[in-house]
N, C-alpha and C. Protein backbone atom coordinates (compact mmCIF):
# COMPACT_ATOMS: atom_id res chain seq x y z
N MET A 1 121.02 107.75 113.66
CA MET A 1 120.23 108.65 112.83
C MET A 1 120.53 110.10 113.21
N THR A 2 120.88 110.92 112.24
CA THR A 2 121.20 112.32 112.54
C THR A 2 119.92 113.10 112.83
N ALA A 3 120.12 114.30 113.42
CA ALA A 3 118.96 115.16 113.72
C ALA A 3 118.23 115.52 112.44
N PHE A 4 119.02 115.74 111.35
CA PHE A 4 118.45 116.10 110.06
C PHE A 4 117.56 114.97 109.53
N THR A 5 118.07 113.73 109.62
CA THR A 5 117.31 112.56 109.16
C THR A 5 116.02 112.40 109.96
N THR A 6 116.15 112.61 111.30
CA THR A 6 114.97 112.50 112.17
C THR A 6 113.93 113.54 111.77
N GLU A 7 114.42 114.75 111.47
CA GLU A 7 113.52 115.85 111.06
C GLU A 7 112.77 115.48 109.78
N ILE A 8 113.50 114.92 108.81
CA ILE A 8 112.88 114.51 107.53
C ILE A 8 111.84 113.42 107.78
N GLN A 9 112.19 112.44 108.63
CA GLN A 9 111.26 111.36 108.95
C GLN A 9 109.98 111.91 109.57
N GLU A 10 110.15 112.86 110.48
CA GLU A 10 108.96 113.44 111.14
C GLU A 10 108.10 114.18 110.14
N PHE A 11 108.76 114.93 109.23
CA PHE A 11 108.04 115.67 108.19
C PHE A 11 107.30 114.70 107.28
N LYS A 12 107.99 113.61 106.91
CA LYS A 12 107.36 112.59 106.05
C LYS A 12 106.15 111.98 106.74
N ASN A 13 106.27 111.71 108.04
CA ASN A 13 105.16 111.12 108.79
C ASN A 13 103.96 112.06 108.81
N GLN A 14 104.24 113.37 108.95
CA GLN A 14 103.15 114.36 108.92
C GLN A 14 102.47 114.35 107.55
N LEU A 15 103.29 114.35 106.49
CA LEU A 15 102.75 114.33 105.12
C LEU A 15 101.93 113.06 104.89
N ARG A 16 102.44 111.95 105.39
CA ARG A 16 101.77 110.66 105.20
C ARG A 16 100.39 110.69 105.88
N THR A 17 100.35 111.22 107.08
CA THR A 17 99.08 111.33 107.82
C THR A 17 98.10 112.21 107.05
N GLN A 18 98.61 113.35 106.54
CA GLN A 18 97.77 114.28 105.79
C GLN A 18 97.26 113.63 104.50
N ALA A 19 98.17 112.92 103.80
CA ALA A 19 97.81 112.27 102.53
C ALA A 19 96.74 111.21 102.74
N HIS A 20 96.90 110.41 103.81
CA HIS A 20 95.88 109.39 104.13
C HIS A 20 94.53 110.04 104.40
N ALA A 21 94.55 111.12 105.17
CA ALA A 21 93.30 111.81 105.50
C ALA A 21 92.65 112.35 104.23
N ASN A 22 93.45 112.97 103.37
CA ASN A 22 92.94 113.51 102.10
C ASN A 22 92.31 112.41 101.25
N ARG A 23 93.04 111.29 101.16
CA ARG A 23 92.58 110.19 100.30
C ARG A 23 91.31 109.56 100.86
N ASN A 24 91.28 109.39 102.18
CA ASN A 24 90.09 108.79 102.81
C ASN A 24 88.87 109.67 102.62
N ALA A 25 89.08 110.99 102.61
CA ALA A 25 87.96 111.93 102.50
C ALA A 25 87.53 112.15 101.05
N GLN A 26 88.33 111.66 100.11
CA GLN A 26 88.02 111.89 98.69
C GLN A 26 86.66 111.28 98.33
N GLU A 27 85.81 112.09 97.71
CA GLU A 27 84.49 111.58 97.28
C GLU A 27 84.58 111.02 95.87
N ASN A 28 83.56 110.29 95.47
CA ASN A 28 83.47 109.73 94.10
C ASN A 28 84.70 108.92 93.70
N LYS A 29 85.23 108.12 94.62
CA LYS A 29 86.46 107.37 94.31
C LYS A 29 86.31 106.46 93.09
N ASP A 30 85.15 105.80 92.98
CA ASP A 30 84.96 104.88 91.85
C ASP A 30 85.02 105.63 90.52
N GLU A 31 84.28 106.72 90.45
CA GLU A 31 84.22 107.48 89.21
C GLU A 31 85.59 108.08 88.85
N LEU A 32 86.24 108.70 89.83
CA LEU A 32 87.56 109.30 89.58
C LEU A 32 88.58 108.23 89.22
N SER A 33 88.49 107.09 89.89
CA SER A 33 89.44 105.99 89.60
C SER A 33 89.30 105.54 88.15
N ARG A 34 88.07 105.44 87.68
CA ARG A 34 87.86 105.03 86.27
C ARG A 34 88.50 106.04 85.32
N GLN A 35 88.36 107.33 85.64
CA GLN A 35 88.98 108.36 84.80
C GLN A 35 90.50 108.23 84.80
N ILE A 36 91.06 108.00 85.99
CA ILE A 36 92.52 107.91 86.13
C ILE A 36 93.06 106.69 85.37
N VAL A 37 92.40 105.54 85.55
CA VAL A 37 92.86 104.32 84.87
C VAL A 37 92.70 104.46 83.36
N ALA A 38 91.65 105.13 82.91
CA ALA A 38 91.47 105.37 81.46
C ALA A 38 92.62 106.20 80.91
N LYS A 39 93.05 107.20 81.68
CA LYS A 39 94.20 108.03 81.25
C LYS A 39 95.47 107.18 81.20
N PHE A 40 95.62 106.31 82.18
CA PHE A 40 96.79 105.41 82.22
C PHE A 40 96.83 104.56 80.94
N LYS A 41 95.66 104.02 80.57
CA LYS A 41 95.61 103.13 79.40
C LYS A 41 95.73 103.88 78.08
N ALA A 42 95.55 105.20 78.13
CA ALA A 42 95.68 106.01 76.91
C ALA A 42 97.13 106.48 76.70
N LEU A 43 98.00 106.20 77.67
CA LEU A 43 99.40 106.65 77.55
C LEU A 43 100.12 105.90 76.42
N PRO A 44 101.05 106.57 75.73
CA PRO A 44 101.85 105.86 74.73
C PRO A 44 102.66 104.72 75.34
N GLU A 45 103.05 104.87 76.61
CA GLU A 45 103.80 103.81 77.30
C GLU A 45 102.97 102.54 77.42
N TYR A 46 101.66 102.70 77.59
CA TYR A 46 100.77 101.54 77.68
C TYR A 46 100.62 100.90 76.31
N GLU A 47 100.45 101.75 75.33
CA GLU A 47 100.31 101.28 73.94
C GLU A 47 101.51 100.41 73.54
N ARG A 48 102.70 100.87 73.91
CA ARG A 48 103.95 100.18 73.52
C ARG A 48 104.22 98.91 74.32
N ALA A 49 103.74 98.89 75.56
CA ALA A 49 104.13 97.81 76.49
C ALA A 49 103.52 96.46 76.10
N LYS A 50 104.31 95.42 76.27
CA LYS A 50 103.80 94.05 76.10
C LYS A 50 103.41 93.46 77.45
N THR A 51 104.19 93.81 78.49
CA THR A 51 103.95 93.28 79.83
C THR A 51 103.74 94.44 80.80
N VAL A 52 102.55 94.48 81.41
CA VAL A 52 102.17 95.61 82.27
C VAL A 52 101.86 95.10 83.68
N MET A 53 102.46 95.76 84.68
CA MET A 53 102.11 95.42 86.06
C MET A 53 101.04 96.37 86.56
N TYR A 54 99.93 95.81 87.02
CA TYR A 54 98.86 96.55 87.70
C TYR A 54 99.02 96.29 89.19
N TYR A 55 98.85 97.31 90.02
CA TYR A 55 98.68 96.99 91.44
C TYR A 55 97.19 96.73 91.66
N ILE A 56 96.85 95.98 92.70
CA ILE A 56 95.44 95.78 93.06
C ILE A 56 95.16 96.66 94.27
N ASP A 57 94.19 97.56 94.13
CA ASP A 57 93.96 98.57 95.16
C ASP A 57 93.60 97.97 96.51
N VAL A 58 94.08 98.65 97.56
CA VAL A 58 93.67 98.33 98.93
C VAL A 58 93.18 99.63 99.58
N ARG A 59 92.27 99.47 100.52
CA ARG A 59 91.71 100.60 101.25
C ARG A 59 91.30 101.74 100.31
N SER A 60 91.87 102.94 100.49
CA SER A 60 91.35 104.09 99.73
C SER A 60 92.21 104.46 98.52
N GLU A 61 93.06 103.54 98.06
CA GLU A 61 93.89 103.81 96.87
C GLU A 61 93.01 103.99 95.63
N VAL A 62 93.59 104.62 94.60
CA VAL A 62 92.90 104.68 93.31
C VAL A 62 92.53 103.25 92.94
N ARG A 63 91.27 103.02 92.61
CA ARG A 63 90.77 101.64 92.41
C ARG A 63 91.13 101.13 91.01
N THR A 64 91.75 100.00 90.99
CA THR A 64 92.19 99.40 89.73
C THR A 64 91.44 98.11 89.43
N ARG A 65 90.87 97.50 90.46
CA ARG A 65 90.28 96.15 90.28
C ARG A 65 89.10 96.18 89.31
N HIS A 66 88.39 97.33 89.22
CA HIS A 66 87.25 97.41 88.29
C HIS A 66 87.72 97.27 86.85
N ASP A 67 88.94 97.70 86.61
CA ASP A 67 89.43 97.71 85.23
C ASP A 67 90.20 96.45 84.85
N LEU A 68 90.60 95.69 85.86
CA LEU A 68 91.42 94.49 85.58
C LEU A 68 90.74 93.52 84.61
N PRO A 69 89.44 93.20 84.77
CA PRO A 69 88.82 92.25 83.83
C PRO A 69 88.95 92.70 82.38
N ASP A 70 88.79 94.01 82.15
CA ASP A 70 88.91 94.55 80.79
C ASP A 70 90.35 94.45 80.30
N ALA A 71 91.30 94.77 81.19
CA ALA A 71 92.72 94.69 80.82
C ALA A 71 93.10 93.26 80.41
N LEU A 72 92.49 92.29 81.08
CA LEU A 72 92.81 90.88 80.81
C LEU A 72 92.32 90.43 79.43
N THR A 73 91.36 91.17 78.85
CA THR A 73 90.85 90.78 77.53
C THR A 73 91.71 91.37 76.40
N GLY A 74 92.64 92.26 76.75
CA GLY A 74 93.47 92.90 75.73
C GLY A 74 94.65 92.03 75.33
N ASP A 75 95.60 92.66 74.63
CA ASP A 75 96.74 91.89 74.12
C ASP A 75 97.98 92.02 75.02
N LYS A 76 97.81 92.57 76.22
CA LYS A 76 98.94 92.73 77.15
C LYS A 76 99.04 91.53 78.08
N LYS A 77 100.27 91.26 78.49
CA LYS A 77 100.47 90.29 79.58
C LYS A 77 100.32 91.10 80.87
N ILE A 78 99.32 90.75 81.67
CA ILE A 78 99.01 91.50 82.89
C ILE A 78 99.63 90.78 84.10
N VAL A 79 100.35 91.56 84.88
CA VAL A 79 101.08 91.02 86.04
C VAL A 79 100.59 91.77 87.28
N VAL A 80 100.43 91.04 88.41
CA VAL A 80 100.06 91.70 89.67
C VAL A 80 101.06 91.29 90.75
N PRO A 81 101.32 92.19 91.70
CA PRO A 81 102.26 91.86 92.78
C PRO A 81 101.55 91.27 93.99
N TYR A 82 102.29 90.54 94.79
CA TYR A 82 101.80 90.12 96.10
C TYR A 82 103.01 90.05 97.02
N CYS A 83 102.77 90.14 98.31
CA CYS A 83 103.87 90.28 99.26
C CYS A 83 104.20 88.97 99.96
N VAL A 84 105.50 88.64 100.00
CA VAL A 84 105.97 87.48 100.76
C VAL A 84 107.18 87.92 101.57
N ASP A 85 107.07 87.83 102.90
CA ASP A 85 108.19 88.18 103.79
C ASP A 85 108.81 89.55 103.47
N GLY A 86 107.96 90.52 103.22
CA GLY A 86 108.47 91.88 103.01
C GLY A 86 108.94 92.19 101.59
N PHE A 87 108.82 91.22 100.69
CA PHE A 87 109.22 91.45 99.29
C PHE A 87 108.03 91.22 98.36
N LEU A 88 107.96 92.01 97.30
CA LEU A 88 106.90 91.82 96.32
C LEU A 88 107.30 90.77 95.29
N GLN A 89 106.45 89.79 95.09
CA GLN A 89 106.62 88.78 94.04
C GLN A 89 105.64 89.12 92.94
N LEU A 90 105.90 88.63 91.72
CA LEU A 90 105.05 88.98 90.59
C LEU A 90 104.35 87.74 90.02
N PHE A 91 103.09 87.94 89.64
CA PHE A 91 102.22 86.84 89.21
C PHE A 91 101.58 87.20 87.88
N HIS A 92 101.63 86.28 86.92
CA HIS A 92 100.98 86.49 85.62
C HIS A 92 99.50 86.16 85.76
N LEU A 93 98.67 87.20 85.70
CA LEU A 93 97.22 87.04 85.90
C LEU A 93 96.52 86.86 84.55
N THR A 94 95.72 85.81 84.43
CA THR A 94 94.98 85.60 83.19
C THR A 94 93.46 85.60 83.42
N SER A 95 93.04 85.52 84.70
CA SER A 95 91.60 85.50 85.00
C SER A 95 91.39 86.02 86.41
N MET A 96 90.28 86.71 86.63
CA MET A 96 89.98 87.21 87.97
C MET A 96 89.74 86.06 88.96
N ASP A 97 89.44 84.87 88.43
CA ASP A 97 89.25 83.70 89.30
C ASP A 97 90.54 83.28 89.98
N GLU A 98 91.67 83.78 89.49
CA GLU A 98 92.96 83.41 90.09
C GLU A 98 93.27 84.24 91.34
N LEU A 99 92.35 85.15 91.69
CA LEU A 99 92.56 86.00 92.87
C LEU A 99 91.65 85.55 94.01
N GLU A 100 92.10 85.79 95.25
CA GLU A 100 91.28 85.50 96.42
C GLU A 100 91.59 86.54 97.49
N LEU A 101 90.70 86.67 98.45
CA LEU A 101 90.96 87.60 99.54
C LEU A 101 91.97 86.98 100.49
N GLY A 102 93.09 87.68 100.68
CA GLY A 102 94.13 87.17 101.57
C GLY A 102 94.09 87.89 102.91
N MET A 103 95.24 87.98 103.55
CA MET A 103 95.34 88.68 104.82
C MET A 103 94.91 90.13 104.65
N TYR A 104 94.39 90.71 105.70
CA TYR A 104 93.96 92.13 105.69
C TYR A 104 92.93 92.40 104.60
N LYS A 105 92.22 91.37 104.15
CA LYS A 105 91.19 91.51 103.11
C LYS A 105 91.74 92.09 101.79
N ILE A 106 93.00 91.78 101.51
CA ILE A 106 93.62 92.26 100.28
C ILE A 106 93.46 91.18 99.21
N LEU A 107 93.03 91.59 98.02
CA LEU A 107 92.86 90.66 96.91
C LEU A 107 94.25 90.30 96.37
N GLU A 108 94.56 89.01 96.33
CA GLU A 108 95.89 88.59 95.88
C GLU A 108 95.80 87.23 95.17
N PRO A 109 96.88 86.88 94.43
CA PRO A 109 96.86 85.60 93.71
C PRO A 109 96.65 84.42 94.67
N ARG A 110 95.89 83.45 94.19
CA ARG A 110 95.60 82.26 95.01
C ARG A 110 96.90 81.53 95.37
N ALA A 111 96.97 81.11 96.61
CA ALA A 111 98.18 80.45 97.12
C ALA A 111 98.53 79.19 96.32
N ASP A 112 97.51 78.46 95.84
CA ASP A 112 97.79 77.20 95.13
C ASP A 112 98.36 77.42 93.72
N LEU A 113 98.34 78.67 93.25
CA LEU A 113 98.85 78.94 91.89
C LEU A 113 100.22 79.62 91.88
N ARG A 114 100.60 80.15 93.02
CA ARG A 114 101.79 81.01 93.05
C ARG A 114 103.09 80.32 92.64
N ASP A 115 103.21 79.05 92.94
CA ASP A 115 104.48 78.37 92.65
C ASP A 115 104.53 77.74 91.26
N LEU A 116 103.47 77.90 90.49
CA LEU A 116 103.50 77.36 89.12
C LEU A 116 104.50 78.18 88.30
N ALA A 117 105.38 77.48 87.60
CA ALA A 117 106.45 78.15 86.84
C ALA A 117 105.89 79.17 85.86
N GLU A 118 104.77 78.83 85.21
CA GLU A 118 104.23 79.73 84.17
C GLU A 118 103.56 80.98 84.76
N LYS A 119 103.38 80.98 86.09
CA LYS A 119 102.74 82.13 86.74
C LYS A 119 103.75 83.12 87.32
N ARG A 120 104.99 82.67 87.47
CA ARG A 120 106.01 83.54 88.07
C ARG A 120 106.59 84.47 87.02
N VAL A 121 106.78 85.73 87.40
CA VAL A 121 107.30 86.72 86.47
C VAL A 121 108.50 87.41 87.10
N ASP A 122 109.55 87.58 86.30
CA ASP A 122 110.73 88.29 86.78
C ASP A 122 110.52 89.79 86.56
N PRO A 123 110.95 90.65 87.50
CA PRO A 123 110.77 92.10 87.32
C PRO A 123 111.37 92.64 86.01
N THR A 124 112.39 91.98 85.50
CA THR A 124 113.02 92.48 84.26
C THR A 124 112.11 92.30 83.03
N GLU A 125 111.03 91.51 83.18
CA GLU A 125 110.10 91.33 82.05
C GLU A 125 109.12 92.50 81.90
N LEU A 126 109.01 93.32 82.94
CA LEU A 126 108.01 94.39 82.93
C LEU A 126 108.42 95.52 81.98
N ASP A 127 107.46 95.97 81.16
CA ASP A 127 107.68 97.12 80.28
C ASP A 127 107.08 98.39 80.87
N LEU A 128 106.07 98.21 81.73
CA LEU A 128 105.37 99.34 82.33
C LEU A 128 104.91 98.92 83.72
N VAL A 129 105.16 99.77 84.70
CA VAL A 129 104.80 99.45 86.08
C VAL A 129 103.84 100.51 86.61
N MET A 130 102.65 100.07 87.01
CA MET A 130 101.67 100.95 87.66
C MET A 130 102.00 100.95 89.15
N VAL A 131 102.25 102.14 89.69
CA VAL A 131 102.76 102.23 91.06
C VAL A 131 101.76 102.98 91.96
N PRO A 132 101.40 102.36 93.11
CA PRO A 132 100.56 103.08 94.06
C PRO A 132 101.44 103.92 94.99
N GLY A 133 100.82 104.68 95.84
CA GLY A 133 101.59 105.45 96.82
C GLY A 133 100.64 106.22 97.71
N VAL A 134 101.21 106.78 98.77
CA VAL A 134 100.40 107.56 99.71
C VAL A 134 100.38 109.03 99.30
N GLY A 135 101.57 109.55 98.94
CA GLY A 135 101.67 110.95 98.53
C GLY A 135 102.66 111.10 97.40
N PHE A 136 102.47 112.14 96.58
CA PHE A 136 103.37 112.40 95.44
C PHE A 136 103.57 113.89 95.27
N ASP A 137 104.61 114.25 94.50
CA ASP A 137 104.68 115.64 94.02
C ASP A 137 104.70 115.60 92.49
N ARG A 138 104.62 116.79 91.89
CA ARG A 138 104.45 116.84 90.43
C ARG A 138 105.73 116.54 89.65
N ARG A 139 106.85 116.35 90.36
CA ARG A 139 108.09 115.97 89.65
C ARG A 139 108.32 114.45 89.75
N GLY A 140 107.31 113.76 90.29
CA GLY A 140 107.42 112.30 90.35
C GLY A 140 107.96 111.76 91.66
N GLY A 141 108.17 112.66 92.65
CA GLY A 141 108.58 112.19 93.98
C GLY A 141 107.44 111.38 94.59
N ARG A 142 107.79 110.28 95.25
CA ARG A 142 106.76 109.37 95.78
C ARG A 142 107.02 109.05 97.23
N MET A 143 105.95 108.93 97.99
CA MET A 143 106.03 108.48 99.37
C MET A 143 105.09 107.30 99.54
N GLY A 144 105.64 106.16 99.97
CA GLY A 144 104.82 104.98 100.19
C GLY A 144 104.45 104.88 101.67
N HIS A 145 104.24 103.66 102.12
CA HIS A 145 103.86 103.45 103.52
C HIS A 145 105.08 103.41 104.44
N GLY A 146 106.27 103.52 103.86
CA GLY A 146 107.48 103.54 104.67
C GLY A 146 108.11 102.18 104.86
N LYS A 147 107.55 101.14 104.22
CA LYS A 147 108.12 99.79 104.37
C LYS A 147 109.10 99.45 103.26
N GLY A 148 109.08 100.22 102.17
CA GLY A 148 110.06 100.02 101.10
C GLY A 148 109.78 98.88 100.14
N TYR A 149 108.55 98.31 100.17
CA TYR A 149 108.24 97.19 99.27
C TYR A 149 108.49 97.55 97.80
N TYR A 150 107.95 98.70 97.41
CA TYR A 150 108.07 99.08 95.99
C TYR A 150 109.48 99.52 95.65
N ASP A 151 110.17 100.18 96.60
CA ASP A 151 111.57 100.56 96.34
C ASP A 151 112.40 99.32 96.01
N LYS A 152 112.18 98.26 96.79
CA LYS A 152 112.96 97.01 96.57
C LYS A 152 112.62 96.38 95.23
N LEU A 153 111.33 96.41 94.86
CA LEU A 153 110.93 95.84 93.57
C LEU A 153 111.52 96.66 92.42
N LEU A 154 111.40 97.98 92.51
CA LEU A 154 111.79 98.85 91.39
C LEU A 154 113.29 98.82 91.12
N GLU A 155 114.07 98.42 92.12
CA GLU A 155 115.53 98.25 91.91
C GLU A 155 115.81 97.23 90.81
N HIS A 156 114.89 96.28 90.62
CA HIS A 156 115.12 95.17 89.68
C HIS A 156 114.41 95.35 88.34
N VAL A 157 113.69 96.47 88.20
CA VAL A 157 112.96 96.73 86.96
C VAL A 157 113.92 97.37 85.95
N ARG A 158 113.80 97.00 84.68
CA ARG A 158 114.70 97.55 83.65
C ARG A 158 114.64 99.08 83.62
N PRO A 159 115.78 99.74 83.35
CA PRO A 159 115.79 101.21 83.31
C PRO A 159 114.87 101.79 82.24
N ASP A 160 114.59 101.02 81.18
CA ASP A 160 113.73 101.55 80.11
C ASP A 160 112.25 101.25 80.34
N ALA A 161 111.92 100.58 81.43
CA ALA A 161 110.51 100.32 81.74
C ALA A 161 109.93 101.55 82.42
N ALA A 162 108.76 101.99 81.98
CA ALA A 162 108.16 103.22 82.53
C ALA A 162 107.52 102.95 83.89
N LEU A 163 107.73 103.89 84.82
CA LEU A 163 107.10 103.83 86.14
C LEU A 163 106.03 104.91 86.20
N VAL A 164 104.78 104.49 86.28
CA VAL A 164 103.67 105.45 86.25
C VAL A 164 102.82 105.30 87.51
N ALA A 165 102.74 106.38 88.28
CA ALA A 165 101.98 106.37 89.53
C ALA A 165 100.54 106.81 89.27
N LEU A 166 99.60 106.21 89.98
CA LEU A 166 98.20 106.64 89.95
C LEU A 166 97.86 107.27 91.30
N ALA A 167 97.22 108.43 91.24
CA ALA A 167 96.87 109.11 92.49
C ALA A 167 95.67 110.03 92.26
N PHE A 168 94.97 110.31 93.35
CA PHE A 168 93.97 111.37 93.30
C PHE A 168 94.72 112.70 93.45
N GLU A 169 94.18 113.74 92.87
CA GLU A 169 94.83 115.06 92.95
C GLU A 169 95.08 115.46 94.41
N CYS A 170 94.19 115.03 95.32
CA CYS A 170 94.34 115.39 96.74
C CYS A 170 95.56 114.76 97.41
N GLN A 171 96.22 113.82 96.70
CA GLN A 171 97.43 113.18 97.26
C GLN A 171 98.71 113.90 96.84
N LEU A 172 98.57 114.99 96.08
CA LEU A 172 99.75 115.71 95.60
C LEU A 172 100.15 116.80 96.59
N PHE A 173 101.46 116.95 96.76
CA PHE A 173 102.03 117.98 97.64
C PHE A 173 103.05 118.78 96.85
N PRO A 174 103.38 120.01 97.31
CA PRO A 174 104.38 120.81 96.58
C PRO A 174 105.70 120.07 96.43
N GLU A 175 106.13 119.38 97.50
CA GLU A 175 107.38 118.60 97.40
C GLU A 175 107.40 117.48 98.42
N ILE A 176 107.74 116.29 97.95
CA ILE A 176 107.91 115.14 98.83
C ILE A 176 109.41 115.05 99.14
N PRO A 177 109.81 115.01 100.42
CA PRO A 177 111.23 114.85 100.71
C PRO A 177 111.70 113.46 100.29
N VAL A 178 112.78 113.40 99.53
CA VAL A 178 113.25 112.10 99.03
C VAL A 178 114.63 111.76 99.56
N ALA A 179 114.83 110.49 99.82
CA ALA A 179 116.14 109.98 100.26
C ALA A 179 116.86 109.45 99.02
N PRO A 180 118.18 109.21 99.13
CA PRO A 180 118.94 108.73 97.97
C PRO A 180 118.38 107.45 97.34
N HIS A 181 117.77 106.57 98.15
CA HIS A 181 117.26 105.30 97.59
C HIS A 181 115.87 105.45 96.97
N ASP A 182 115.23 106.61 97.17
CA ASP A 182 113.87 106.80 96.63
C ASP A 182 113.92 106.93 95.11
N VAL A 183 112.89 106.39 94.47
CA VAL A 183 112.85 106.37 93.01
C VAL A 183 111.79 107.36 92.52
N PHE A 184 112.16 108.20 91.56
CA PHE A 184 111.20 109.13 90.98
C PHE A 184 110.38 108.42 89.90
N MET A 185 109.10 108.77 89.82
CA MET A 185 108.22 108.23 88.80
C MET A 185 108.45 108.94 87.46
N ASP A 186 108.18 108.22 86.36
CA ASP A 186 108.23 108.86 85.04
C ASP A 186 107.01 109.74 84.83
N LYS A 187 105.88 109.29 85.36
CA LYS A 187 104.65 110.08 85.24
C LYS A 187 103.79 109.85 86.48
N VAL A 188 102.99 110.87 86.82
CA VAL A 188 101.98 110.73 87.86
C VAL A 188 100.64 111.09 87.21
N VAL A 189 99.70 110.15 87.24
CA VAL A 189 98.40 110.35 86.58
C VAL A 189 97.34 110.58 87.65
N THR A 190 96.65 111.73 87.55
CA THR A 190 95.52 112.01 88.45
C THR A 190 94.27 112.23 87.60
N GLU A 191 93.15 112.52 88.27
CA GLU A 191 91.92 112.79 87.52
C GLU A 191 92.02 114.09 86.72
N LYS A 192 92.97 114.97 87.11
CA LYS A 192 93.08 116.28 86.44
C LYS A 192 94.15 116.34 85.37
N ALA A 193 95.23 115.57 85.54
CA ALA A 193 96.37 115.75 84.62
C ALA A 193 97.28 114.55 84.60
N VAL A 194 98.18 114.54 83.63
CA VAL A 194 99.30 113.59 83.60
C VAL A 194 100.55 114.44 83.80
N TYR A 195 101.20 114.27 84.95
CA TYR A 195 102.40 115.06 85.27
C TYR A 195 103.65 114.30 84.83
N GLU A 196 104.56 115.00 84.17
CA GLU A 196 105.83 114.39 83.74
C GLU A 196 106.80 114.39 84.91
N GLY A 197 107.20 113.22 85.36
CA GLY A 197 108.14 113.14 86.47
C GLY A 197 109.58 113.11 85.98
N LYS A 198 110.51 113.17 86.95
CA LYS A 198 111.95 113.14 86.60
C LYS A 198 112.40 111.77 86.15
N GLY A 199 111.71 110.73 86.61
CA GLY A 199 112.13 109.36 86.28
C GLY A 199 113.42 108.99 86.97
N ARG A 200 113.97 107.84 86.56
CA ARG A 200 115.18 107.36 87.24
C ARG A 200 116.42 107.96 86.64
């Protein structure tokens, strides 16, 4: 690792710590999350999409689970990710009963349903991907937890599928340092605005 790379890593770690602190301190998370998800669902990309991936919130992320039951009553095929050996797999969700609390108290698809052929979804089927993250900038730069789960998933998503990040305004920074493998979001949605990102 070069000195320059080490410097970027250290800067990213500082940003990540700051972003976590900002997000944890954010008040009215439920109310703001509802506003953010409503904006997401009002996007033309959502209107057009047949298959939409929702992330299920953990810890202090923008909360999506409150809206999932409503999303399931619409005409979209709703897909949620879950992690296996460092990779995100995709699950076709049709009812909240198909979820259970897994490791780390994270809500995820029930283990007994995951291997059913009709529940498995290929990333190329996604028309719209809702992406979480720790920090973002207004050009769509994203910083995750540093494990690369979403980077690996997004490599397999069709180029014409929209990548839309949800974040609280407090998670935005002037610029997120990006590496060549990092993927820019098409849009970043906060309680205040919808920012147009550079995309892929």
